[in-house]
Amino acid sequence: MKTLIIGGNRFVGLRLSRLLDRDSGCELHILNRSGQVPGVTKATIHKGSRDDLPASGLDRDWDVVVDFSCYNDAHAKGSIGFFRKVGRYVHISTGSVYDDGRYQTEAGFVPEKWTRHDTPTEEEKKDPYKFGKRQAEAAFAQGAGFPVLLVRIPFIAGLDDYTRRFAFHVERIAKALPIYVPNLEARSSFADSEDAARFLHWCLDKDLVGPVNVASPADISLKDLLAFIEGRLGRKARLAAEATEENHSPYGIAETRTMDVGRMKAAGFATRPLEEWLPGLIDGLKI
């Protein structure tokens, strides 16, 4: 299977690259700005930018393209115009395309019905990442002449998370530093980075298309997440009354926004429940 990965040379993308590098049935190519992918030995690495695909020297015919660096309408349209002979396109999207609500199904945002517009509204300017990913999904859904899978993933956690969002909570509880949370009862979905990479590897030879939610089966409130960490560390979290740039939880959302994974499970893939992988993550982050 002739496979191209665009971007993703860290975190989930790096995990997937290493999985595919060991897959004897995969002819792996990777495009990124550095021209390097740690731990990958067999793949062909192309140094270049997705912003100028024609200058990258890439082939246009691929069995599968996996795109980790498509963040807006222009990126998506660039891919649609360049990869006209691709067999299947896997766009890494986000659970942020949804509005607030619990256990949102894929029908919570329908990219075929989204009206693309270059200038975001004042409300959309508050969350440019959400706006950009909605625009990208809509461009693929409305304009691609090839099959596209839109993989919607929520907060991703793992020892390899360079953003250290989960580590923020473990470290501050361990050091008795304050954490500000706007709404302790607000619930979120999470995905383990290993599960996310396993899904992407698994889906490459499947005929799954359209949007699919990928996350652990159940959601969790930040109150319960902090309690889980407290129990593992044997320390209590200090909650701050006011937010600062330093103490605001990266998971601190105002309202519940979680995802239903029924379509993923119906397709034949299972992610691990939170209680199965959170303990190892917390233990690995202990200081």
C-alpha atoms as a PDB file:
ATOM      1  CA  MET A   1       0.000   0.000   0.000  1.00  0.00           C
ATOM      2  CA  LYS A   2       1.589   3.225  -1.176  1.00  0.00           C
ATOM      3  CA  THR A   3       0.988   5.621   1.724  1.00  0.00           C
ATOM      4  CA  LEU A   4       1.863   9.272   2.286  1.00  0.00           C
ATOM      5  CA  ILE A   5       1.782  11.011   5.664  1.00  0.00           C
ATOM      6  CA  ILE A   6       1.716  14.803   5.585  1.00  0.00           C
ATOM      7  CA  GLY A   7       3.151  16.373   8.755  1.00  0.00           C
ATOM      8  CA  GLY A   8       2.637  14.554  12.010  1.00  0.00           C
ATOM      9  CA  ASN A   9       6.273  13.979  12.906  1.00  0.00           C
ATOM     10  CA  ARG A  10       5.380  14.255  16.598  1.00  0.00           C
ATOM     11  CA  PHE A  11       2.876  12.639  18.956  1.00  0.00           C
ATOM     12  CA  VAL A  12       0.165  10.568  17.177  1.00  0.00           C
ATOM     13  CA  GLY A  13       1.688  11.174  13.767  1.00  0.00           C
ATOM     14  CA  LEU A  14       5.050   9.865  14.947  1.00  0.00           C
ATOM     15  CA  ARG A  15       3.388   6.811  16.457  1.00  0.00           C
ATOM     16  CA  LEU A  16       1.611   6.101  13.168  1.00  0.00           C
ATOM     17  CA  SER A  17       4.803   6.640  11.167  1.00  0.00           C
ATOM     18  CA  ARG A  18       6.623   4.073  13.285  1.00  0.00           C
ATOM     19  CA  LEU A  19       3.777   1.578  13.000  1.00  0.00           C
ATOM     20  CA  LEU A  20       3.695   1.893   9.225  1.00  0.00           C
ATOM     21  CA  ASP A  21       7.486   1.800   8.990  1.00  0.00           C
ATOM     22  CA  ARG A  22       7.320  -1.723  10.447  1.00  0.00           C
ATOM     23  CA  ASP A  23       4.381  -2.750   8.233  1.00  0.00           C
ATOM     24  CA  SER A  24       5.749  -4.954   5.448  1.00  0.00           C
ATOM     25  CA  GLY A  25       2.692  -4.232   3.317  1.00  0.00           C
ATOM     26  CA  CYS A  26       3.233  -0.476   3.349  1.00  0.00           C
ATOM     27  CA  GLU A  27       5.430   1.653   1.078  1.00  0.00           C
ATOM     28  CA  LEU A  28       5.664   4.659   3.370  1.00  0.00           C
ATOM     29  CA  HIS A  29       6.490   8.238   2.384  1.00  0.00           C
ATOM     30  CA  ILE A  30       6.413  11.207   4.766  1.00  0.00           C
ATOM     31  CA  LEU A  31       6.327  14.919   3.935  1.00  0.00           C
ATOM     32  CA  ASN A  32       7.376  17.396   6.611  1.00  0.00           C
ATOM     33  CA  ARG A  33       9.384  20.579   7.004  1.00  0.00           C
ATOM     34  CA  SER A  34      12.349  19.013   8.802  1.00  0.00           C
ATOM     35  CA  GLY A  35      12.914  16.055   6.505  1.00  0.00           C
ATOM     36  CA  GLN A  36      13.437  13.899   9.603  1.00  0.00           C
ATOM     37  CA  VAL A  37      11.284  11.435  11.546  1.00  0.00           C
ATOM     38  CA  PRO A  38      12.884   9.937  14.693  1.00  0.00           C
ATOM     39  CA  GLY A  39      12.839   6.148  14.834  1.00  0.00           C
ATOM     40  CA  VAL A  40      11.719   5.691  11.226  1.00  0.00           C
ATOM     41  CA  THR A  41      14.284   3.788   9.153  1.00  0.00           C
ATOM     42  CA  LYS A  42      12.602   2.427   6.004  1.00  0.00           C
ATOM     43  CA  ALA A  43      10.328   5.248   4.875  1.00  0.00           C
ATOM     44  CA  THR A  44      11.165   7.806   2.229  1.00  0.00           C
ATOM     45  CA  ILE A  45      11.218  11.237   3.860  1.00  0.00           C
ATOM     46  CA  HIS A  46      10.431  14.287   1.731  1.00  0.00           C
ATOM     47  CA  LYS A  47      11.483  17.671   3.070  1.00  0.00           C
ATOM     48  CA  GLY A  48       8.966  20.282   2.070  1.00  0.00           C
ATOM     49  CA  SER A  49       5.848  22.253   2.934  1.00  0.00           C
ATOM     50  CA  ARG A  50       2.230  21.371   2.441  1.00  0.00           C
ATOM     51  CA  ASP A  51       1.737  25.039   1.554  1.00  0.00           C
ATOM     52  CA  ASP A  52       3.419  24.390  -1.812  1.00  0.00           C
ATOM     53  CA  LEU A  53       2.680  20.800  -2.778  1.00  0.00           C
ATOM     54  CA  PRO A  54       3.636  21.193  -6.466  1.00  0.00           C
ATOM     55  CA  ALA A  55       7.163  22.191  -5.372  1.00  0.00           C
ATOM     56  CA  SER A  56       7.496  19.141  -3.108  1.00  0.00           C
ATOM     57  CA  GLY A  57       8.287  16.722  -5.929  1.00  0.00           C
ATOM     58  CA  LEU A  58       5.669  14.304  -4.604  1.00  0.00           C
ATOM     59  CA  ASP A  59       3.769  11.831  -6.736  1.00  0.00           C
ATOM     60  CA  ARG A  60       0.086  12.566  -7.167  1.00  0.00           C
ATOM     61  CA  ASP A  61      -1.118   8.949  -7.122  1.00  0.00           C
ATOM     62  CA  TRP A  62      -1.300   7.284  -3.702  1.00  0.00           C
ATOM     63  CA  ASP A  63      -3.332   4.471  -2.260  1.00  0.00           C
ATOM     64  CA  VAL A  64      -3.774   6.500   0.945  1.00  0.00           C
ATOM     65  CA  VAL A  65      -2.831   9.981   2.115  1.00  0.00           C
ATOM     66  CA  VAL A  66      -2.968  10.711   5.868  1.00  0.00           C
ATOM     67  CA  ASP A  67      -2.994  14.449   6.546  1.00  0.00           C
ATOM     68  CA  PHE A  68      -2.058  15.751  10.003  1.00  0.00           C
ATOM     69  CA  SER A  69      -1.447  19.347   8.960  1.00  0.00           C
ATOM     70  CA  CYS A  70      -4.645  20.478   7.258  1.00  0.00           C
ATOM     71  CA  TYR A  71      -6.037  23.345   9.326  1.00  0.00           C
ATOM     72  CA  ASN A  72      -8.155  25.409   6.968  1.00  0.00           C
ATOM     73  CA  ASP A  73     -10.019  25.740   3.699  1.00  0.00           C
ATOM     74  CA  ALA A  74      -6.888  26.694   1.729  1.00  0.00           C
ATOM     75  CA  HIS A  75      -4.987  23.602   2.905  1.00  0.00           C
ATOM     76  CA  ALA A  76      -7.888  21.331   1.962  1.00  0.00           C
ATOM     77  CA  LYS A  77      -8.356  22.919  -1.462  1.00  0.00           C
ATOM     78  CA  GLY A  78      -4.623  22.576  -2.087  1.00  0.00           C
ATOM     79  CA  SER A  79      -4.835  18.839  -1.408  1.00  0.00           C
ATOM     80  CA  ILE A  80      -7.970  18.419  -3.518  1.00  0.00           C
ATOM     81  CA  GLY A  81      -6.269  20.060  -6.449  1.00  0.00           C
ATOM     82  CA  PHE A  82      -2.987  18.188  -6.113  1.00  0.00           C
ATOM     83  CA  PHE A  83      -3.965  14.648  -5.084  1.00  0.00           C
ATOM     84  CA  ARG A  84      -6.428  13.946  -7.852  1.00  0.00           C
ATOM     85  CA  LYS A  85      -5.415  10.285  -8.197  1.00  0.00           C
ATOM     86  CA  VAL A  86      -5.445   9.341  -4.509  1.00  0.00           C
ATOM     87  CA  GLY A  87      -7.377   6.200  -3.603  1.00  0.00           C
ATOM     88  CA  ARG A  88      -8.380   7.465  -0.181  1.00  0.00           C
ATOM     89  CA  TYR A  89      -7.702  10.543   1.926  1.00  0.00           C
ATOM     90  CA  VAL A  90      -7.618  10.508   5.735  1.00  0.00           C
ATOM     91  CA  HIS A  91      -7.993  13.984   7.216  1.00  0.00           C
ATOM     92  CA  ILE A  92      -7.144  14.312  10.897  1.00  0.00           C
ATOM     93  CA  SER A  93      -9.887  16.548  12.232  1.00  0.00           C
ATOM     94  CA  THR A  94     -11.029  17.316  15.769  1.00  0.00           C
ATOM     95  CA  GLY A  95     -13.907  17.048  18.200  1.00  0.00           C
ATOM     96  CA  SER A  96     -13.764  20.830  18.316  1.00  0.00           C
ATOM     97  CA  VAL A  97     -15.922  20.997  15.180  1.00  0.00           C
ATOM     98  CA  TYR A  98     -18.889  20.307  17.481  1.00  0.00           C
ATOM     99  CA  ASP A  99     -20.787  22.831  19.539  1.00  0.00           C
ATOM    100  CA  ASP A 100     -21.322  22.118  23.234  1.00  0.00           C
ATOM    101  CA  GLY A 101     -23.322  19.018  24.127  1.00  0.00           C
ATOM    102  CA  ARG A 102     -22.912  15.524  25.524  1.00  0.00           C
ATOM    103  CA  TYR A 103     -22.139  12.496  23.351  1.00  0.00           C
ATOM    104  CA  GLN A 104     -22.287  14.309  20.052  1.00  0.00           C
ATOM    105  CA  THR A 105     -22.730  11.977  17.089  1.00  0.00           C
ATOM    106  CA  GLU A 106     -21.175  12.675  13.704  1.00  0.00           C
ATOM    107  CA  ALA A 107     -24.460  14.334  12.728  1.00  0.00           C
ATOM    108  CA  GLY A 108     -23.644  17.135  15.183  1.00  0.00           C
ATOM    109  CA  PHE A 109     -21.651  18.788  12.428  1.00  0.00           C
ATOM    110  CA  VAL A 110     -22.459  18.016   8.793  1.00  0.00           C
ATOM    111  CA  PRO A 111     -19.679  19.415   6.556  1.00  0.00           C
ATOM    112  CA  GLU A 112     -21.744  18.976   3.387  1.00  0.00           C
ATOM    113  CA  LYS A 113     -24.179  21.587   4.745  1.00  0.00           C
ATOM    114  CA  TRP A 114     -21.599  24.051   6.039  1.00  0.00           C
ATOM    115  CA  THR A 115     -21.402  27.301   4.090  1.00  0.00           C
ATOM    116  CA  ARG A 116     -17.733  28.108   3.654  1.00  0.00           C
ATOM    117  CA  HIS A 117     -16.743  31.743   4.126  1.00  0.00           C
ATOM    118  CA  ASP A 118     -13.347  33.395   4.170  1.00  0.00           C
ATOM    119  CA  THR A 119     -14.051  35.894   6.922  1.00  0.00           C
ATOM    120  CA  PRO A 120     -15.069  34.415  10.299  1.00  0.00           C
ATOM    121  CA  THR A 121     -17.808  36.008  12.332  1.00  0.00           C
ATOM    122  CA  GLU A 122     -16.996  37.660  15.646  1.00  0.00           C
ATOM    123  CA  GLU A 123     -18.147  34.484  17.410  1.00  0.00           C
ATOM    124  CA  GLU A 124     -15.994  32.294  15.154  1.00  0.00           C
ATOM    125  CA  LYS A 125     -12.958  34.478  15.849  1.00  0.00           C
ATOM    126  CA  LYS A 126     -13.108  33.290  19.475  1.00  0.00           C
ATOM    127  CA  ASP A 127     -12.133  29.785  18.341  1.00  0.00           C
ATOM    128  CA  PRO A 128     -10.088  30.004  15.125  1.00  0.00           C
ATOM    129  CA  TYR A 129      -9.028  26.351  15.380  1.00  0.00           C
ATOM    130  CA  LYS A 130     -12.664  25.208  15.336  1.00  0.00           C
ATOM    131  CA  PHE A 131     -13.469  27.523  12.449  1.00  0.00           C
ATOM    132  CA  GLY A 132     -10.482  26.372  10.413  1.00  0.00           C
ATOM    133  CA  LYS A 133     -11.220  22.679  10.902  1.00  0.00           C
ATOM    134  CA  ARG A 134     -14.882  23.164   9.987  1.00  0.00           C
ATOM    135  CA  GLN A 135     -13.787  24.950   6.828  1.00  0.00           C
ATOM    136  CA  ALA A 136     -11.352  22.152   5.967  1.00  0.00           C
ATOM    137  CA  GLU A 137     -13.924  19.399   6.519  1.00  0.00           C
ATOM    138  CA  ALA A 138     -16.442  21.238   4.378  1.00  0.00           C
ATOM    139  CA  ALA A 139     -13.935  21.712   1.564  1.00  0.00           C
ATOM    140  CA  PHE A 140     -13.242  17.976   1.464  1.00  0.00           C
ATOM    141  CA  ALA A 141     -16.889  16.966   1.821  1.00  0.00           C
ATOM    142  CA  GLN A 142     -18.081  19.362  -0.873  1.00  0.00           C
ATOM    143  CA  GLY A 143     -15.197  19.370  -3.326  1.00  0.00           C
ATOM    144  CA  ALA A 144     -13.046  16.228  -3.197  1.00  0.00           C
ATOM    145  CA  GLY A 145     -13.220  13.856  -6.140  1.00  0.00           C
ATOM    146  CA  PHE A 146     -11.917  10.997  -4.020  1.00  0.00           C
ATOM    147  CA  PRO A 147     -13.085   9.184  -0.844  1.00  0.00           C
ATOM    148  CA  VAL A 148     -12.319  11.107   2.352  1.00  0.00           C
ATOM    149  CA  LEU A 149     -12.360   9.932   5.976  1.00  0.00           C
ATOM    150  CA  LEU A 150     -12.704  12.751   8.515  1.00  0.00           C
ATOM    151  CA  VAL A 151     -11.252  11.490  11.811  1.00  0.00           C
ATOM    152  CA  ARG A 152     -12.579  13.568  14.703  1.00  0.00           C
ATOM    153  CA  ILE A 153     -10.440  13.186  17.811  1.00  0.00           C
ATOM    154  CA  PRO A 154     -10.980  15.067  21.113  1.00  0.00           C
ATOM    155  CA  PHE A 155      -8.313  15.852  23.735  1.00  0.00           C
ATOM    156  CA  ILE A 156      -5.440  13.416  23.144  1.00  0.00           C
ATOM    157  CA  ALA A 157      -3.304  12.357  26.099  1.00  0.00           C
ATOM    158  CA  GLY A 158      -0.121  10.340  26.291  1.00  0.00           C
ATOM    159  CA  LEU A 159       3.413  10.300  27.631  1.00  0.00           C
ATOM    160  CA  ASP A 160       4.515  11.542  24.212  1.00  0.00           C
ATOM    161  CA  ASP A 161       2.278  14.646  24.287  1.00  0.00           C
ATOM    162  CA  TYR A 162       4.632  17.557  23.625  1.00  0.00           C
ATOM    163  CA  THR A 163       1.909  20.034  24.645  1.00  0.00           C
ATOM    164  CA  ARG A 164       1.982  18.547  28.173  1.00  0.00           C
ATOM    165  CA  ARG A 165      -1.687  19.359  28.742  1.00  0.00           C
ATOM    166  CA  PHE A 166      -2.316  16.296  30.872  1.00  0.00           C
ATOM    167  CA  ALA A 167       1.081  16.641  32.556  1.00  0.00           C
ATOM    168  CA  PHE A 168       0.065  20.143  33.641  1.00  0.00           C
ATOM    169  CA  HIS A 169      -2.465  18.660  36.054  1.00  0.00           C
ATOM    170  CA  VAL A 170      -0.234  15.885  37.376  1.00  0.00           C
ATOM    171  CA  GLU A 171       2.676  18.241  37.998  1.00  0.00           C
ATOM    172  CA  ARG A 172       0.641  20.977  39.661  1.00  0.00           C
ATOM    173  CA  ILE A 173      -1.140  18.526  41.966  1.00  0.00           C
ATOM    174  CA  ALA A 174       2.181  16.873  42.836  1.00  0.00           C
ATOM    175  CA  LYS A 175       3.725  20.275  43.672  1.00  0.00           C
ATOM    176  CA  ALA A 176       0.595  21.618  45.431  1.00  0.00           C
ATOM    177  CA  LEU A 177       0.285  24.427  42.881  1.00  0.00           C
ATOM    178  CA  PRO A 178      -3.153  25.966  42.186  1.00  0.00           C
ATOM    179  CA  ILE A 179      -5.266  24.993  39.190  1.00  0.00           C
ATOM    180  CA  TYR A 180      -8.078  27.141  37.846  1.00  0.00           C
ATOM    181  CA  VAL A 181     -11.080  25.349  36.358  1.00  0.00           C
ATOM    182  CA  PRO A 182     -14.036  27.396  35.059  1.00  0.00           C
ATOM    183  CA  ASN A 183     -16.516  24.534  35.433  1.00  0.00           C
ATOM    184  CA  LEU A 184     -15.607  21.389  37.370  1.00  0.00           C
ATOM    185  CA  GLU A 185     -18.744  19.628  36.179  1.00  0.00           C
ATOM    186  CA  ALA A 186     -18.092  20.187  32.459  1.00  0.00           C
ATOM    187  CA  ARG A 187     -17.398  16.859  30.776  1.00  0.00           C
ATOM    188  CA  SER A 188     -14.893  16.077  28.030  1.00  0.00           C
ATOM    189  CA  SER A 189     -13.945  13.133  25.838  1.00  0.00           C
ATOM    190  CA  PHE A 190     -10.372  11.901  25.706  1.00  0.00           C
ATOM    191  CA  ALA A 191      -8.337   9.674  23.423  1.00  0.00           C
ATOM    192  CA  ASP A 192      -5.167   7.819  24.320  1.00  0.00           C
ATOM    193  CA  SER A 193      -2.399   8.607  21.811  1.00  0.00           C
ATOM    194  CA  GLU A 194      -1.693   4.902  21.329  1.00  0.00           C
ATOM    195  CA  ASP A 195      -5.351   4.180  20.557  1.00  0.00           C
ATOM    196  CA  ALA A 196      -5.510   7.105  18.129  1.00  0.00           C
ATOM    197  CA  ALA A 197      -2.479   5.808  16.220  1.00  0.00           C
ATOM    198  CA  ARG A 198      -3.839   2.247  16.261  1.00  0.00           C
ATOM    199  CA  PHE A 199      -7.114   3.450  14.777  1.00  0.00           C
ATOM    200  CA  LEU A 200      -5.360   5.323  11.981  1.00  0.00           C
ATOM    201  CA  HIS A 201      -3.262   2.248  11.174  1.00  0.00           C
ATOM    202  CA  TRP A 202      -6.345   0.019  11.286  1.00  0.00           C
ATOM    203  CA  CYS A 203      -8.510   2.246   9.090  1.00  0.00           C
ATOM    204  CA  LEU A 204      -6.114   2.541   6.151  1.00  0.00           C
ATOM    205  CA  ASP A 205      -7.381  -0.521   4.314  1.00  0.00           C
ATOM    206  CA  LYS A 206     -11.014  -0.109   5.336  1.00  0.00           C
ATOM    207  CA  ASP A 207     -13.749   1.504   3.227  1.00  0.00           C
ATOM    208  CA  LEU A 208     -14.892   3.812   6.030  1.00  0.00           C
ATOM    209  CA  VAL A 209     -15.591   7.343   4.714  1.00  0.00           C
ATOM    210  CA  GLY A 210     -17.141  10.529   6.035  1.00  0.00           C
ATOM    211  CA  PRO A 211     -16.785  11.707   9.647  1.00  0.00           C
ATOM    212  CA  VAL A 212     -15.998   9.295  12.493  1.00  0.00           C
ATOM    213  CA  ASN A 213     -15.458  10.036  16.195  1.00  0.00           C
ATOM    214  CA  VAL A 214     -12.443   8.353  17.814  1.00  0.00           C
ATOM    215  CA  ALA A 215     -12.190   8.485  21.612  1.00  0.00           C
ATOM    216  CA  SER A 216     -12.407   6.376  24.741  1.00  0.00           C
ATOM    217  CA  PRO A 217     -15.971   5.086  25.177  1.00  0.00           C
ATOM    218  CA  ALA A 218     -17.027   7.198  28.170  1.00  0.00           C
ATOM    219  CA  ASP A 219     -16.564  10.894  28.943  1.00  0.00           C
ATOM    220  CA  ILE A 220     -15.371  12.361  32.241  1.00  0.00           C
ATOM    221  CA  SER A 221     -15.812  15.611  34.165  1.00  0.00           C
ATOM    222  CA  LEU A 222     -12.719  17.577  35.111  1.00  0.00           C
ATOM    223  CA  LYS A 223     -13.762  17.145  38.740  1.00  0.00           C
ATOM    224  CA  ASP A 224     -13.557  13.368  38.342  1.00  0.00           C
ATOM    225  CA  LEU A 225     -10.354  13.578  36.325  1.00  0.00           C
ATOM    226  CA  LEU A 226      -8.662  15.591  39.061  1.00  0.00           C
ATOM    227  CA  ALA A 227      -9.956  13.116  41.660  1.00  0.00           C
ATOM    228  CA  PHE A 228      -8.487  10.265  39.604  1.00  0.00           C
ATOM    229  CA  ILE A 229      -5.093  11.979  39.586  1.00  0.00           C
ATOM    230  CA  GLU A 230      -5.384  12.794  43.293  1.00  0.00           C
ATOM    231  CA  GLY A 231      -6.035   9.156  44.112  1.00  0.00           C
ATOM    232  CA  ARG A 232      -3.031   8.022  42.089  1.00  0.00           C
ATOM    233  CA  LEU A 233      -0.677  10.617  43.595  1.00  0.00           C
ATOM    234  CA  GLY A 234      -2.017  10.587  47.135  1.00  0.00           C
ATOM    235  CA  ARG A 235      -2.286  14.399  47.060  1.00  0.00           C
ATOM    236  CA  LYS A 236      -5.146  16.876  46.856  1.00  0.00           C
ATOM    237  CA  ALA A 237      -5.555  19.415  44.085  1.00  0.00           C
ATOM    238  CA  ARG A 238      -5.492  23.095  45.035  1.00  0.00           C
ATOM    239  CA  LEU A 239      -8.210  24.926  43.121  1.00  0.00           C
ATOM    240  CA  ALA A 240      -7.707  28.599  42.316  1.00  0.00           C
ATOM    241  CA  ALA A 241     -10.553  31.086  42.627  1.00  0.00           C
ATOM    242  CA  GLU A 242      -9.307  33.262  39.788  1.00  0.00           C
ATOM    243  CA  ALA A 243      -7.665  32.440  36.478  1.00  0.00           C
ATOM    244  CA  THR A 244      -4.163  33.446  35.497  1.00  0.00           C
ATOM    245  CA  GLU A 245      -2.169  32.542  32.406  1.00  0.00           C
ATOM    246  CA  GLU A 246      -0.135  30.191  34.570  1.00  0.00           C
ATOM    247  CA  ASN A 247      -2.861  28.317  36.472  1.00  0.00           C
ATOM    248  CA  HIS A 248      -5.673  27.899  33.909  1.00  0.00           C
ATOM    249  CA  SER A 249      -6.316  24.231  33.124  1.00  0.00           C
ATOM    250  CA  PRO A 250      -5.728  23.368  29.430  1.00  0.00           C
ATOM    251  CA  TYR A 251      -8.851  21.220  29.773  1.00  0.00           C
ATOM    252  CA  GLY A 252     -10.822  23.971  31.472  1.00  0.00           C
ATOM    253  CA  ILE A 253     -13.915  24.360  29.314  1.00  0.00           C
ATOM    254  CA  ALA A 254     -17.044  26.266  30.223  1.00  0.00           C
ATOM    255  CA  GLU A 255     -19.567  23.671  29.072  1.00  0.00           C
ATOM    256  CA  THR A 256     -19.717  19.939  28.345  1.00  0.00           C
ATOM    257  CA  ARG A 257     -18.579  18.826  24.908  1.00  0.00           C
ATOM    258  CA  THR A 258     -18.211  15.061  24.415  1.00  0.00           C
ATOM    259  CA  MET A 259     -18.401  12.542  21.602  1.00  0.00           C
ATOM    260  CA  ASP A 260     -20.340   9.381  20.844  1.00  0.00           C
ATOM    261  CA  VAL A 261     -18.167   6.596  19.384  1.00  0.00           C
ATOM    262  CA  GLY A 262     -20.952   4.340  18.117  1.00  0.00           C
ATOM    263  CA  ARG A 263     -19.930   4.648  14.477  1.00  0.00           C
ATOM    264  CA  MET A 264     -16.327   3.752  15.268  1.00  0.00           C
ATOM    265  CA  LYS A 265     -17.410   0.670  17.218  1.00  0.00           C
ATOM    266  CA  ALA A 266     -19.892  -0.366  14.524  1.00  0.00           C
ATOM    267  CA  ALA A 267     -17.041  -0.234  12.010  1.00  0.00           C
ATOM    268  CA  GLY A 268     -15.149  -2.786  14.097  1.00  0.00           C
ATOM    269  CA  PHE A 269     -12.650  -0.793  16.176  1.00  0.00           C
ATOM    270  CA  ALA A 270     -12.497  -0.561  19.967  1.00  0.00           C
ATOM    271  CA  THR A 271     -10.650   1.987  22.082  1.00  0.00           C
ATOM    272  CA  ARG A 272      -9.713   1.329  25.704  1.00  0.00           C
ATOM    273  CA  PRO A 273     -11.767   2.813  28.538  1.00  0.00           C
ATOM    274  CA  LEU A 274     -10.234   5.664  30.513  1.00  0.00           C
ATOM    275  CA  GLU A 275      -9.748   3.593  33.637  1.00  0.00           C
ATOM    276  CA  GLU A 276      -7.568   1.215  31.670  1.00  0.00           C
ATOM    277  CA  TRP A 277      -4.975   3.677  30.403  1.00  0.00           C
ATOM    278  CA  LEU A 278      -5.115   6.677  32.746  1.00  0.00           C
ATOM    279  CA  PRO A 279      -3.271   4.973  35.656  1.00  0.00           C
ATOM    280  CA  GLY A 280      -0.236   4.164  33.513  1.00  0.00           C
ATOM    281  CA  LEU A 281      -0.185   7.680  32.112  1.00  0.00           C
ATOM    282  CA  ILE A 282      -0.301   9.278  35.562  1.00  0.00           C
ATOM    283  CA  ASP A 283       2.381   6.924  36.884  1.00  0.00           C
ATOM    284  CA  GLY A 284       4.589   7.733  33.926  1.00  0.00           C
ATOM    285  CA  LEU A 285       4.264  11.457  34.598  1.00  0.00           C
ATOM    286  CA  LYS A 286       4.948  11.321  38.341  1.00  0.00           C
ATOM    287  CA  ILE A 287       7.726  13.661  39.459  1.00  0.00           C
END
